[in-house]
PDB file of N, CA and C in Angstrom:
ATOM      1  N   MET A   1    -115.048 -12.624  62.501  1.00  0.00           N
ATOM      2  CA  MET A   1    -113.632 -11.871  62.157  1.00  0.00           C
ATOM      3  C   MET A   1    -112.577 -12.856  61.897  1.00  0.00           C
ATOM      4  N   SER A   2    -112.012 -12.806  61.042  1.00  0.00           N
ATOM      5  CA  SER A   2    -110.770 -13.575  60.561  1.00  0.00           C
ATOM      6  C   SER A   2    -109.472 -13.971  61.559  1.00  0.00           C
ATOM      7  N   LYS A   3    -109.162 -15.043  61.748  1.00  0.00           N
ATOM      8  CA  LYS A   3    -108.006 -15.137  62.718  1.00  0.00           C
ATOM      9  C   LYS A   3    -106.805 -14.544  62.138  1.00  0.00           C
ATOM     10  N   ARG A   4    -105.898 -14.085  62.697  1.00  0.00           N
ATOM     11  CA  ARG A   4    -104.599 -13.393  62.575  1.00  0.00           C
ATOM     12  C   ARG A   4    -103.264 -14.213  62.684  1.00  0.00           C
ATOM     13  N   ILE A   5    -102.533 -14.250  61.549  1.00  0.00           N
ATOM     14  CA  ILE A   5    -101.217 -14.630  61.474  1.00  0.00           C
ATOM     15  C   ILE A   5    -100.280 -13.920  61.195  1.00  0.00           C
ATOM     16  N   LEU A   6     -99.068 -13.850  62.169  1.00  0.00           N
ATOM     17  CA  LEU A   6     -97.915 -13.175  61.842  1.00  0.00           C
ATOM     18  C   LEU A   6     -96.718 -14.176  61.233  1.00  0.00           C
ATOM     19  N   VAL A   7     -95.998 -13.859  60.121  1.00  0.00           N
ATOM     20  CA  VAL A   7     -95.287 -14.743  59.481  1.00  0.00           C
ATOM     21  C   VAL A   7     -93.792 -14.075  59.369  1.00  0.00           C
ATOM     22  N   LEU A   8     -92.874 -14.562  59.659  1.00  0.00           N
ATOM     23  CA  LEU A   8     -91.630 -14.045  59.527  1.00  0.00           C
ATOM     24  C   LEU A   8     -90.722 -15.096  58.653  1.00  0.00           C
ATOM     25  N   ASP A   9     -90.199 -14.506  57.534  1.00  0.00           N
ATOM     26  CA  ASP A   9     -89.093 -15.238  56.981  1.00  0.00           C
ATOM     27  C   ASP A   9     -88.297 -14.216  55.777  1.00  0.00           C
ATOM     28  N   ASP A  10     -87.153 -14.517  55.839  1.00  0.00           N
ATOM     29  CA  ASP A  10     -86.219 -13.213  55.110  1.00  0.00           C
ATOM     30  C   ASP A  10     -85.903 -13.583  53.632  1.00  0.00           C
ATOM     31  N   ASN A  11     -86.753 -14.809  53.305  1.00  0.00           N
ATOM     32  CA  ASN A  11     -86.894 -15.321  51.846  1.00  0.00           C
ATOM     33  C   ASN A  11     -87.759 -14.692  51.001  1.00  0.00           C
ATOM     34  N   LYS A  12     -87.930 -13.723  50.438  1.00  0.00           N
ATOM     35  CA  LYS A  12     -89.203 -12.883  49.883  1.00  0.00           C
ATOM     36  C   LYS A  12     -89.999 -13.944  49.301  1.00  0.00           C
ATOM     37  N   ASP A  13     -89.852 -15.085  48.598  1.00  0.00           N
ATOM     38  CA  ASP A  13     -90.486 -15.881  47.970  1.00  0.00           C
ATOM     39  C   ASP A  13     -91.349 -16.651  48.538  1.00  0.00           C
ATOM     40  N   ILE A  14     -90.681 -17.097  49.778  1.00  0.00           N
ATOM     41  CA  ILE A  14     -91.336 -18.046  50.775  1.00  0.00           C
ATOM     42  C   ILE A  14     -92.546 -17.201  51.204  1.00  0.00           C
ATOM     43  N   LEU A  15     -91.901 -16.261  51.563  1.00  0.00           N
ATOM     44  CA  LEU A  15     -92.945 -15.050  52.468  1.00  0.00           C
ATOM     45  C   LEU A  15     -94.135 -14.895  51.455  1.00  0.00           C
ATOM     46  N   ASP A  16     -93.878 -14.733  50.410  1.00  0.00           N
ATOM     47  CA  ASP A  16     -94.783 -14.295  49.297  1.00  0.00           C
ATOM     48  C   ASP A  16     -95.779 -15.250  49.160  1.00  0.00           C
ATOM     49  N   VAL A  17     -95.257 -16.549  49.078  1.00  0.00           N
ATOM     50  CA  VAL A  17     -96.257 -17.916  48.666  1.00  0.00           C
ATOM     51  C   VAL A  17     -97.035 -17.991  50.017  1.00  0.00           C
ATOM     52  N   VAL A  18     -96.328 -17.829  51.255  1.00  0.00           N
ATOM     53  CA  VAL A  18     -97.222 -18.306  52.531  1.00  0.00           C
ATOM     54  C   VAL A  18     -98.281 -17.232  52.552  1.00  0.00           C
ATOM     55  N   HIS A  19     -97.880 -15.801  52.725  1.00  0.00           N
ATOM     56  CA  HIS A  19     -99.077 -14.759  52.653  1.00  0.00           C
ATOM     57  C   HIS A  19    -100.039 -15.186  51.769  1.00  0.00           C
ATOM     58  N   GLU A  20     -99.730 -15.403  50.406  1.00  0.00           N
ATOM     59  CA  GLU A  20    -100.729 -15.428  49.444  1.00  0.00           C
ATOM     60  C   GLU A  20    -101.595 -16.631  49.965  1.00  0.00           C
ATOM     61  N   THR A  21    -101.027 -17.989  50.216  1.00  0.00           N
ATOM     62  CA  THR A  21    -101.849 -18.962  50.602  1.00  0.00           C
ATOM     63  C   THR A  21    -102.612 -18.674  51.463  1.00  0.00           C
ATOM     64  N   LEU A  22    -102.124 -18.272  52.989  1.00  0.00           N
ATOM     65  CA  LEU A  22    -102.789 -18.241  54.119  1.00  0.00           C
ATOM     66  C   LEU A  22    -103.909 -16.965  53.998  1.00  0.00           C
ATOM     67  N   THR A  23    -103.889 -15.989  53.171  1.00  0.00           N
ATOM     68  CA  THR A  23    -104.640 -14.951  52.914  1.00  0.00           C
ATOM     69  C   THR A  23    -105.828 -15.678  51.990  1.00  0.00           C
ATOM     70  N   TYR A  24    -105.709 -16.628  50.904  1.00  0.00           N
ATOM     71  CA  TYR A  24    -106.717 -17.137  50.303  1.00  0.00           C
ATOM     72  C   TYR A  24    -107.431 -18.197  51.030  1.00  0.00           C
ATOM     73  N   GLU A  25    -106.923 -18.787  52.182  1.00  0.00           N
ATOM     74  CA  GLU A  25    -107.725 -19.468  53.108  1.00  0.00           C
ATOM     75  C   GLU A  25    -108.482 -18.679  54.057  1.00  0.00           C
ATOM     76  N   GLN A  26    -108.451 -17.481  54.138  1.00  0.00           N
ATOM     77  CA  GLN A  26    -109.363 -16.408  54.930  1.00  0.00           C
ATOM     78  C   GLN A  26    -108.830 -16.035  56.220  1.00  0.00           C
ATOM     79  N   PHE A  27    -107.220 -16.069  56.250  1.00  0.00           N
ATOM     80  CA  PHE A  27    -106.688 -15.493  57.545  1.00  0.00           C
ATOM     81  C   PHE A  27    -106.249 -14.095  56.974  1.00  0.00           C
ATOM     82  N   ASP A  28    -106.123 -13.263  57.861  1.00  0.00           N
ATOM     83  CA  ASP A  28    -105.783 -11.882  58.098  1.00  0.00           C
ATOM     84  C   ASP A  28    -103.949 -12.155  58.433  1.00  0.00           C
ATOM     85  N   VAL A  29    -103.271 -11.860  57.367  1.00  0.00           N
ATOM     86  CA  VAL A  29    -101.821 -12.178  57.287  1.00  0.00           C
ATOM     87  C   VAL A  29    -101.038 -10.990  57.305  1.00  0.00           C
ATOM     88  N   LYS A  30    -100.162 -11.050  58.242  1.00  0.00           N
ATOM     89  CA  LYS A  30     -99.249 -10.026  58.104  1.00  0.00           C
ATOM     90  C   LYS A  30     -97.715 -10.450  58.181  1.00  0.00           C
ATOM     91  N   SER A  31     -97.025 -10.143  57.081  1.00  0.00           N
ATOM     92  CA  SER A  31     -95.790 -10.995  56.806  1.00  0.00           C
ATOM     93  C   SER A  31     -94.373  -9.970  56.913  1.00  0.00           C
ATOM     94  N   ILE A  32     -93.585 -10.261  57.492  1.00  0.00           N
ATOM     95  CA  ILE A  32     -92.145  -9.500  57.857  1.00  0.00           C
ATOM     96  C   ILE A  32     -91.148 -10.357  57.333  1.00  0.00           C
ATOM     97  N   SER A  33     -89.833  -9.768  57.079  1.00  0.00           N
ATOM     98  CA  SER A  33     -88.568 -10.245  56.810  1.00  0.00           C
ATOM     99  C   SER A  33     -87.581  -9.795  57.866  1.00  0.00           C
ATOM    100  N   ASP A  34     -87.743  -9.322  58.904  1.00  0.00           N
ATOM    101  CA  ASP A  34     -86.919  -8.736  59.678  1.00  0.00           C
ATOM    102  C   ASP A  34     -87.239  -9.203  61.136  1.00  0.00           C
ATOM    103  N   GLY A  35     -86.560 -10.051  61.743  1.00  0.00           N
ATOM    104  CA  GLY A  35     -86.733 -10.767  63.144  1.00  0.00           C
ATOM    105  C   GLY A  35     -86.731  -9.592  64.145  1.00  0.00           C
ATOM    106  N   ASN A  36     -86.015  -8.506  64.198  1.00  0.00           N
ATOM    107  CA  ASN A  36     -86.239  -7.557  65.085  1.00  0.00           C
ATOM    108  C   ASN A  36     -87.702  -6.973  65.257  1.00  0.00           C
ATOM    109  N   ASP A  37     -88.645  -7.124  64.170  1.00  0.00           N
ATOM    110  CA  ASP A  37     -89.921  -6.523  64.173  1.00  0.00           C
ATOM    111  C   ASP A  37     -90.784  -7.615  64.896  1.00  0.00           C
ATOM    112  N   VAL A  38     -90.565  -8.585  64.991  1.00  0.00           N
ATOM    113  CA  VAL A  38     -91.258  -9.698  65.539  1.00  0.00           C
ATOM    114  C   VAL A  38     -92.133  -9.389  66.885  1.00  0.00           C
ATOM    115  N   ILE A  39     -91.486  -8.958  67.795  1.00  0.00           N
ATOM    116  CA  ILE A  39     -91.946  -8.809  69.183  1.00  0.00           C
ATOM    117  C   ILE A  39     -92.770  -7.541  69.270  1.00  0.00           C
ATOM    118  N   PRO A  40     -92.410  -6.450  68.574  1.00  0.00           N
ATOM    119  CA  PRO A  40     -93.187  -5.581  68.717  1.00  0.00           C
ATOM    120  C   PRO A  40     -94.648  -5.410  67.865  1.00  0.00           C
ATOM    121  N   LEU A  41     -94.295  -6.264  66.791  1.00  0.00           N
ATOM    122  CA  LEU A  41     -95.735  -6.571  66.104  1.00  0.00           C
ATOM    123  C   LEU A  41     -96.400  -7.592  66.676  1.00  0.00           C
ATOM    124  N   VAL A  42     -95.942  -8.626  67.485  1.00  0.00           N
ATOM    125  CA  VAL A  42     -96.785  -9.433  68.420  1.00  0.00           C
ATOM    126  C   VAL A  42     -97.664  -8.736  69.171  1.00  0.00           C
ATOM    127  N   LYS A  43     -97.152  -7.673  69.879  1.00  0.00           N
ATOM    128  CA  LYS A  43     -97.782  -6.776  70.838  1.00  0.00           C
ATOM    129  C   LYS A  43     -98.894  -5.963  70.110  1.00  0.00           C
ATOM    130  N   GLU A  44     -98.331  -5.460  68.820  1.00  0.00           N
ATOM    131  CA  GLU A  44     -99.470  -4.478  68.165  1.00  0.00           C
ATOM    132  C   GLU A  44    -100.414  -5.184  67.660  1.00  0.00           C
ATOM    133  N   PHE A  45    -100.244  -6.327  66.887  1.00  0.00           N
ATOM    134  CA  PHE A  45    -100.955  -7.030  66.045  1.00  0.00           C
ATOM    135  C   PHE A  45    -101.873  -8.134  66.653  1.00  0.00           C
ATOM    136  N   VAL A  46    -101.358  -8.769  67.822  1.00  0.00           N
ATOM    137  CA  VAL A  46    -101.920  -9.667  68.661  1.00  0.00           C
ATOM    138  C   VAL A  46    -102.388 -10.802  67.845  1.00  0.00           C
ATOM    139  N   PRO A  47    -101.627 -11.315  67.375  1.00  0.00           N
ATOM    140  CA  PRO A  47    -101.941 -12.843  66.142  1.00  0.00           C
ATOM    141  C   PRO A  47    -102.451 -13.810  67.093  1.00  0.00           C
ATOM    142  N   ASP A  48    -102.933 -14.594  66.266  1.00  0.00           N
ATOM    143  CA  ASP A  48    -103.777 -15.891  66.687  1.00  0.00           C
ATOM    144  C   ASP A  48    -103.062 -16.987  66.607  1.00  0.00           C
ATOM    145  N   LEU A  49    -102.038 -16.997  65.669  1.00  0.00           N
ATOM    146  CA  LEU A  49    -100.752 -17.792  65.568  1.00  0.00           C
ATOM    147  C   LEU A  49     -99.410 -16.761  64.746  1.00  0.00           C
ATOM    148  N   VAL A  50     -98.243 -17.691  65.159  1.00  0.00           N
ATOM    149  CA  VAL A  50     -97.194 -16.976  64.522  1.00  0.00           C
ATOM    150  C   VAL A  50     -96.265 -18.104  64.080  1.00  0.00           C
ATOM    151  N   ILE A  51     -95.864 -17.788  62.823  1.00  0.00           N
ATOM    152  CA  ILE A  51     -94.925 -18.739  61.983  1.00  0.00           C
ATOM    153  C   ILE A  51     -93.482 -18.106  61.754  1.00  0.00           C
ATOM    154  N   LEU A  52     -92.455 -18.802  62.286  1.00  0.00           N
ATOM    155  CA  LEU A  52     -91.176 -18.089  62.426  1.00  0.00           C
ATOM    156  C   LEU A  52     -90.111 -18.953  61.643  1.00  0.00           C
ATOM    157  N   ASP A  53     -89.168 -18.354  60.843  1.00  0.00           N
ATOM    158  CA  ASP A  53     -88.551 -19.062  59.940  1.00  0.00           C
ATOM    159  C   ASP A  53     -87.254 -19.237  61.283  1.00  0.00           C
ATOM    160  N   TYR A  54     -86.516 -20.408  61.229  1.00  0.00           N
ATOM    161  CA  TYR A  54     -85.899 -20.640  62.310  1.00  0.00           C
ATOM    162  C   TYR A  54     -84.469 -19.692  61.951  1.00  0.00           C
ATOM    163  N   ARG A  55     -83.642 -19.661  61.052  1.00  0.00           N
ATOM    164  CA  ARG A  55     -82.724 -18.672  60.525  1.00  0.00           C
ATOM    165  C   ARG A  55     -83.163 -17.768  59.728  1.00  0.00           C
ATOM    166  N   VAL A  56     -83.192 -16.486  60.346  1.00  0.00           N
ATOM    167  CA  VAL A  56     -83.482 -15.288  59.611  1.00  0.00           C
ATOM    168  C   VAL A  56     -82.538 -14.186  59.961  1.00  0.00           C
ATOM    169  N   ALA A  57     -82.301 -13.448  59.120  1.00  0.00           N
ATOM    170  CA  ALA A  57     -81.520 -12.056  59.180  1.00  0.00           C
ATOM    171  C   ALA A  57     -81.856 -11.436  60.590  1.00  0.00           C
ATOM    172  N   GLY A  58     -81.029 -11.100  61.252  1.00  0.00           N
ATOM    173  CA  GLY A  58     -81.353 -10.316  62.597  1.00  0.00           C
ATOM    174  C   GLY A  58     -81.690 -11.003  63.661  1.00  0.00           C
ATOM    175  N   ALA A  59     -82.109 -12.398  63.641  1.00  0.00           N
ATOM    176  CA  ALA A  59     -82.611 -13.053  64.784  1.00  0.00           C
ATOM    177  C   ALA A  59     -82.525 -14.655  64.672  1.00  0.00           C
ATOM    178  N   ASN A  60     -82.802 -15.192  65.725  1.00  0.00           N
ATOM    179  CA  ASN A  60     -82.958 -16.572  65.677  1.00  0.00           C
ATOM    180  C   ASN A  60     -84.607 -17.013  65.977  1.00  0.00           C
ATOM    181  N   GLY A  61     -85.163 -17.517  64.890  1.00  0.00           N
ATOM    182  CA  GLY A  61     -86.578 -18.028  65.369  1.00  0.00           C
ATOM    183  C   GLY A  61     -87.042 -18.653  66.458  1.00  0.00           C
ATOM    184  N   GLY A  62     -85.869 -19.641  66.889  1.00  0.00           N
ATOM    185  CA  GLY A  62     -86.193 -20.311  68.480  1.00  0.00           C
ATOM    186  C   GLY A  62     -86.179 -19.444  69.412  1.00  0.00           C
ATOM    187  N   GLU A  63     -85.179 -18.383  69.511  1.00  0.00           N
ATOM    188  CA  GLU A  63     -85.334 -17.576  70.459  1.00  0.00           C
ATOM    189  C   GLU A  63     -86.488 -16.619  70.347  1.00  0.00           C
ATOM    190  N   LEU A  64     -86.891 -16.149  69.360  1.00  0.00           N
ATOM    191  CA  LEU A  64     -88.089 -15.546  69.202  1.00  0.00           C
ATOM    192  C   LEU A  64     -89.280 -16.148  69.839  1.00  0.00           C
ATOM    193  N   CYS A  65     -89.390 -17.439  69.494  1.00  0.00           N
ATOM    194  CA  CYS A  65     -90.315 -18.230  70.149  1.00  0.00           C
ATOM    195  C   CYS A  65     -90.527 -18.295  71.331  1.00  0.00           C
ATOM    196  N   ARG A  66     -89.153 -18.301  71.953  1.00  0.00           N
ATOM    197  CA  ARG A  66     -89.060 -18.528  73.516  1.00  0.00           C
ATOM    198  C   ARG A  66     -89.459 -17.148  74.108  1.00  0.00           C
ATOM    199  N   GLN A  67     -89.184 -16.081  73.717  1.00  0.00           N
ATOM    200  CA  GLN A  67     -89.523 -14.799  73.954  1.00  0.00           C
ATOM    201  C   GLN A  67     -91.306 -14.525  73.956  1.00  0.00           C
ATOM    202  N   ILE A  68     -91.703 -15.100  72.818  1.00  0.00           N
ATOM    203  CA  ILE A  68     -93.292 -14.951  72.899  1.00  0.00           C
ATOM    204  C   ILE A  68     -93.891 -15.667  73.779  1.00  0.00           C
ATOM    205  N   LYS A  69     -93.370 -16.982  74.005  1.00  0.00           N
ATOM    206  CA  LYS A  69     -94.103 -17.836  74.844  1.00  0.00           C
ATOM    207  C   LYS A  69     -93.871 -17.669  76.591  1.00  0.00           C
ATOM    208  N   SER A  70     -92.656 -16.684  76.589  1.00  0.00           N
ATOM    209  CA  SER A  70     -92.510 -16.276  78.149  1.00  0.00           C
ATOM    210  C   SER A  70     -93.263 -15.116  78.632  1.00  0.00           C
ATOM    211  N   ASN A  71     -93.885 -14.609  77.416  1.00  0.00           N
ATOM    212  CA  ASN A  71     -94.916 -13.239  77.750  1.00  0.00           C
ATOM    213  C   ASN A  71     -96.316 -14.089  78.114  1.00  0.00           C
ATOM    214  N   PRO A  72     -96.635 -13.375  79.426  1.00  0.00           N
ATOM    215  CA  PRO A  72     -97.887 -13.928  79.796  1.00  0.00           C
ATOM    216  C   PRO A  72     -99.083 -13.806  78.763  1.00  0.00           C
ATOM    217  N   GLN A  73     -99.125 -12.850  78.419  1.00  0.00           N
ATOM    218  CA  GLN A  73    -100.093 -12.206  77.301  1.00  0.00           C
ATOM    219  C   GLN A  73     -99.925 -13.033  76.075  1.00  0.00           C
ATOM    220  N   PHE A  74     -99.050 -13.899  75.920  1.00  0.00           N
ATOM    221  CA  PHE A  74     -98.886 -14.413  74.443  1.00  0.00           C
ATOM    222  C   PHE A  74     -98.615 -15.873  74.575  1.00  0.00           C
ATOM    223  N   LYS A  75     -98.493 -16.441  75.861  1.00  0.00           N
ATOM    224  CA  LYS A  75     -97.878 -17.581  76.030  1.00  0.00           C
ATOM    225  C   LYS A  75     -98.807 -18.849  75.582  1.00  0.00           C
ATOM    226  N   ASN A  76    -100.114 -18.863  75.124  1.00  0.00           N
ATOM    227  CA  ASN A  76    -100.906 -19.484  74.670  1.00  0.00           C
ATOM    228  C   ASN A  76    -100.971 -19.355  73.107  1.00  0.00           C
ATOM    229  N   VAL A  77    -100.386 -18.541  72.402  1.00  0.00           N
ATOM    230  CA  VAL A  77    -100.268 -18.349  70.961  1.00  0.00           C
ATOM    231  C   VAL A  77     -99.464 -19.330  70.382  1.00  0.00           C
ATOM    232  N   PRO A  78    -100.021 -20.164  69.623  1.00  0.00           N
ATOM    233  CA  PRO A  78     -99.340 -21.176  68.895  1.00  0.00           C
ATOM    234  C   PRO A  78     -98.049 -20.702  68.034  1.00  0.00           C
ATOM    235  N   VAL A  79     -97.240 -21.331  67.983  1.00  0.00           N
ATOM    236  CA  VAL A  79     -95.973 -20.824  67.150  1.00  0.00           C
ATOM    237  C   VAL A  79     -95.554 -21.999  66.403  1.00  0.00           C
ATOM    238  N   ILE A  80     -95.439 -21.891  65.120  1.00  0.00           N
ATOM    239  CA  ILE A  80     -94.712 -22.995  64.289  1.00  0.00           C
ATOM    240  C   ILE A  80     -93.449 -22.275  63.816  1.00  0.00           C
ATOM    241  N   ILE A  81     -92.588 -23.122  63.681  1.00  0.00           N
ATOM    242  CA  ILE A  81     -90.915 -22.862  63.406  1.00  0.00           C
ATOM    243  C   ILE A  81     -90.784 -23.526  62.076  1.00  0.00           C
ATOM    244  N   PHE A  82     -90.577 -22.864  60.921  1.00  0.00           N
ATOM    245  CA  PHE A  82     -89.988 -23.432  59.971  1.00  0.00           C
ATOM    246  C   PHE A  82     -88.600 -23.427  59.513  1.00  0.00           C
ATOM    247  N   SER A  83     -87.730 -24.479  58.908  1.00  0.00           N
ATOM    248  CA  SER A  83     -86.406 -24.554  58.807  1.00  0.00           C
ATOM    249  C   SER A  83     -86.187 -25.546  57.666  1.00  0.00           C
ATOM    250  N   ALA A  84     -85.065 -25.069  57.004  1.00  0.00           N
ATOM    251  CA  ALA A  84     -84.368 -25.991  56.011  1.00  0.00           C
ATOM    252  C   ALA A  84     -83.315 -26.814  56.905  1.00  0.00           C
ATOM    253  N   TYR A  85     -82.915 -26.403  58.195  1.00  0.00           N
ATOM    254  CA  TYR A  85     -81.902 -26.756  58.704  1.00  0.00           C
ATOM    255  C   TYR A  85     -82.064 -27.632  60.051  1.00  0.00           C
ATOM    256  N   ILE A  86     -83.269 -28.555  59.731  1.00  0.00           N
ATOM    257  CA  ILE A  86     -83.769 -29.119  61.035  1.00  0.00           C
ATOM    258  C   ILE A  86     -82.687 -30.697  60.918  1.00  0.00           C
ATOM    259  N   ASN A  87     -82.268 -30.757  62.106  1.00  0.00           N
ATOM    260  CA  ASN A  87     -81.417 -31.900  62.290  1.00  0.00           C
ATOM    261  C   ASN A  87     -82.299 -32.844  63.359  1.00  0.00           C
ATOM    262  N   ASN A  88     -82.403 -31.876  64.514  1.00  0.00           N
ATOM    263  CA  ASN A  88     -82.911 -32.395  65.589  1.00  0.00           C
ATOM    264  C   ASN A  88     -84.308 -31.641  66.050  1.00  0.00           C
ATOM    265  N   HIS A  89     -85.445 -32.536  65.983  1.00  0.00           N
ATOM    266  CA  HIS A  89     -86.938 -31.723  66.306  1.00  0.00           C
ATOM    267  C   HIS A  89     -86.906 -31.311  67.763  1.00  0.00           C
ATOM    268  N   ASP A  90     -86.083 -32.230  68.447  1.00  0.00           N
ATOM    269  CA  ASP A  90     -86.208 -31.902  70.026  1.00  0.00           C
ATOM    270  C   ASP A  90     -85.658 -30.681  70.326  1.00  0.00           C
ATOM    271  N   GLU A  91     -84.535 -30.277  69.683  1.00  0.00           N
ATOM    272  CA  GLU A  91     -84.116 -28.980  69.883  1.00  0.00           C
ATOM    273  C   GLU A  91     -84.923 -28.012  69.559  1.00  0.00           C
ATOM    274  N   LEU A  92     -85.685 -27.882  68.405  1.00  0.00           N
ATOM    275  CA  LEU A  92     -86.721 -26.964  68.268  1.00  0.00           C
ATOM    276  C   LEU A  92     -87.765 -26.855  69.175  1.00  0.00           C
ATOM    277  N   TYR A  93     -88.038 -28.112  69.615  1.00  0.00           N
ATOM    278  CA  TYR A  93     -89.424 -28.095  70.586  1.00  0.00           C
ATOM    279  C   TYR A  93     -89.135 -27.565  72.046  1.00  0.00           C
ATOM    280  N   GLY A  94     -87.575 -27.540  72.017  1.00  0.00           N
ATOM    281  CA  GLY A  94     -87.105 -27.049  73.166  1.00  0.00           C
ATOM    282  C   GLY A  94     -87.454 -25.539  73.485  1.00  0.00           C
ATOM    283  N   TYR A  95     -87.404 -24.931  72.421  1.00  0.00           N
ATOM    284  CA  TYR A  95     -87.900 -23.426  72.196  1.00  0.00           C
ATOM    285  C   TYR A  95     -89.355 -23.193  72.846  1.00  0.00           C
ATOM    286  N   GLY A  96     -90.049 -23.980  72.796  1.00  0.00           N
ATOM    287  CA  GLY A  96     -91.504 -23.979  73.101  1.00  0.00           C
ATOM    288  C   GLY A  96     -92.441 -23.713  71.930  1.00  0.00           C
ATOM    289  N   CYS A  97     -92.181 -24.170  70.808  1.00  0.00           N
ATOM    290  CA  CYS A  97     -92.980 -24.050  69.827  1.00  0.00           C
ATOM    291  C   CYS A  97     -93.709 -25.331  69.567  1.00  0.00           C
ATOM    292  N   ASP A  98     -95.056 -25.005  69.022  1.00  0.00           N
ATOM    293  CA  ASP A  98     -96.378 -26.016  69.034  1.00  0.00           C
ATOM    294  C   ASP A  98     -96.283 -26.939  67.568  1.00  0.00           C
ATOM    295  N   ALA A  99     -95.488 -26.531  66.552  1.00  0.00           N
ATOM    296  CA  ALA A  99     -95.263 -27.404  65.282  1.00  0.00           C
ATOM    297  C   ALA A  99     -94.072 -26.915  64.600  1.00  0.00           C
ATOM    298  N   ILE A 100     -93.523 -27.773  64.075  1.00  0.00           N
ATOM    299  CA  ILE A 100     -92.267 -27.749  63.331  1.00  0.00           C
ATOM    300  C   ILE A 100     -92.672 -27.885  61.611  1.00  0.00           C
ATOM    301  N   ILE A 101     -92.234 -27.086  60.659  1.00  0.00           N
ATOM    302  CA  ILE A 101     -92.415 -27.667  59.402  1.00  0.00           C
ATOM    303  C   ILE A 101     -90.938 -27.502  58.590  1.00  0.00           C
ATOM    304  N   SER A 102     -90.619 -28.512  57.878  1.00  0.00           N
ATOM    305  CA  SER A 102     -89.268 -28.567  57.216  1.00  0.00           C
ATOM    306  C   SER A 102     -89.381 -28.018  55.906  1.00  0.00           C
ATOM    307  N   LYS A 103     -88.321 -27.150  55.637  1.00  0.00           N
ATOM    308  CA  LYS A 103     -88.317 -26.788  54.069  1.00  0.00           C
ATOM    309  C   LYS A 103     -87.730 -27.646  53.336  1.00  0.00           C
ATOM    310  N   PRO A 104     -87.826 -27.791  51.971  1.00  0.00           N
ATOM    311  CA  PRO A 104     -89.099 -27.261  51.270  1.00  0.00           C
ATOM    312  C   PRO A 104     -90.361 -27.868  52.058  1.00  0.00           C
ATOM    313  N   PHE A 105     -91.239 -27.127  52.183  1.00  0.00           N
ATOM    314  CA  PHE A 105     -92.693 -27.707  52.580  1.00  0.00           C
ATOM    315  C   PHE A 105     -93.800 -27.471  51.513  1.00  0.00           C
ATOM    316  N   ASP A 106     -94.708 -28.462  51.881  1.00  0.00           N
ATOM    317  CA  ASP A 106     -95.805 -28.803  51.050  1.00  0.00           C
ATOM    318  C   ASP A 106     -97.035 -27.622  51.810  1.00  0.00           C
ATOM    319  N   LEU A 107     -97.443 -26.683  50.555  1.00  0.00           N
ATOM    320  CA  LEU A 107     -98.556 -25.641  51.275  1.00  0.00           C
ATOM    321  C   LEU A 107     -99.808 -26.351  51.727  1.00  0.00           C
ATOM    322  N   THR A 108    -100.120 -27.612  51.486  1.00  0.00           N
ATOM    323  CA  THR A 108    -101.108 -28.225  52.207  1.00  0.00           C
ATOM    324  C   THR A 108    -100.748 -28.538  53.446  1.00  0.00           C
ATOM    325  N   GLU A 109     -99.558 -29.056  53.625  1.00  0.00           N
ATOM    326  CA  GLU A 109     -98.993 -29.370  55.307  1.00  0.00           C
ATOM    327  C   GLU A 109     -99.066 -27.991  55.972  1.00  0.00           C
ATOM    328  N   LEU A 110     -98.936 -26.919  55.293  1.00  0.00           N
ATOM    329  CA  LEU A 110     -98.974 -25.676  56.133  1.00  0.00           C
ATOM    330  C   LEU A 110    -100.054 -25.353  56.583  1.00  0.00           C
ATOM    331  N   VAL A 111    -101.111 -25.543  55.619  1.00  0.00           N
ATOM    332  CA  VAL A 111    -102.508 -24.994  55.739  1.00  0.00           C
ATOM    333  C   VAL A 111    -103.195 -26.093  56.799  1.00  0.00           C
ATOM    334  N   GLU A 112    -102.755 -27.313  56.863  1.00  0.00           N
ATOM    335  CA  GLU A 112    -103.212 -28.106  57.865  1.00  0.00           C
ATOM    336  C   GLU A 112    -102.776 -27.771  59.265  1.00  0.00           C
ATOM    337  N   LYS A 113    -101.691 -27.606  59.337  1.00  0.00           N
ATOM    338  CA  LYS A 113    -101.069 -27.124  60.784  1.00  0.00           C
ATOM    339  C   LYS A 113    -101.482 -26.137  61.515  1.00  0.00           C
ATOM    340  N   VAL A 114    -101.686 -25.013  60.370  1.00  0.00           N
ATOM    341  CA  VAL A 114    -102.116 -23.743  60.911  1.00  0.00           C
ATOM    342  C   VAL A 114    -103.534 -23.902  61.401  1.00  0.00           C
ATOM    343  N   ASN A 115    -104.453 -24.589  60.584  1.00  0.00           N
ATOM    344  CA  ASN A 115    -105.873 -24.893  60.896  1.00  0.00           C
ATOM    345  C   ASN A 115    -106.113 -25.792  62.181  1.00  0.00           C
ATOM    346  N   ASN A 116    -105.315 -26.969  62.383  1.00  0.00           N
ATOM    347  CA  ASN A 116    -105.164 -27.562  63.426  1.00  0.00           C
ATOM    348  C   ASN A 116    -104.928 -26.815  64.791  1.00  0.00           C
ATOM    349  N   LEU A 117    -103.821 -25.743  64.546  1.00  0.00           N
ATOM    350  CA  LEU A 117    -103.378 -25.116  65.911  1.00  0.00           C
ATOM    351  C   LEU A 117    -104.448 -23.998  66.342  1.00  0.00           C
ATOM    352  N   ILE A 118    -105.082 -23.377  65.110  1.00  0.00           N
ATOM    353  CA  ILE A 118    -106.155 -22.304  65.774  1.00  0.00           C
ATOM    354  C   ILE A 118    -107.539 -22.502  65.568  1.00  0.00           C
ATOM    355  N   SER A 119    -107.783 -23.668  65.421  1.00  0.00           N
ATOM    356  CA  SER A 119    -109.334 -24.197  65.222  1.00  0.00           C
ATOM    357  C   SER A 119    -109.919 -24.030  66.460  1.00  0.00           C
TER     358      SER A 119
END
């Protein structure tokens, strides 16, 4: 059974490219653009990894990461935060994420980080 990945980004182009790339890599991918959908979908979809945009309409990716990690059922699910607004990695790691990817990002870097976190 393929590993499941939940991706949140409000930029449709980025969402499409990430979805297509990870699907090509044989992952079961669910892509969403509304931060309010993340927590209910984590409970329903039960992903093996979550990728969150840091600044997204309706939510803060860091706070969503904190909510996921504070749930005993999902505390071990790896979370990647990606953002174009990274000044301080320590601030993002403070939310409990497992990896950070700076935008614009290389798809090879994305696939490597995903594989490292869920292998």
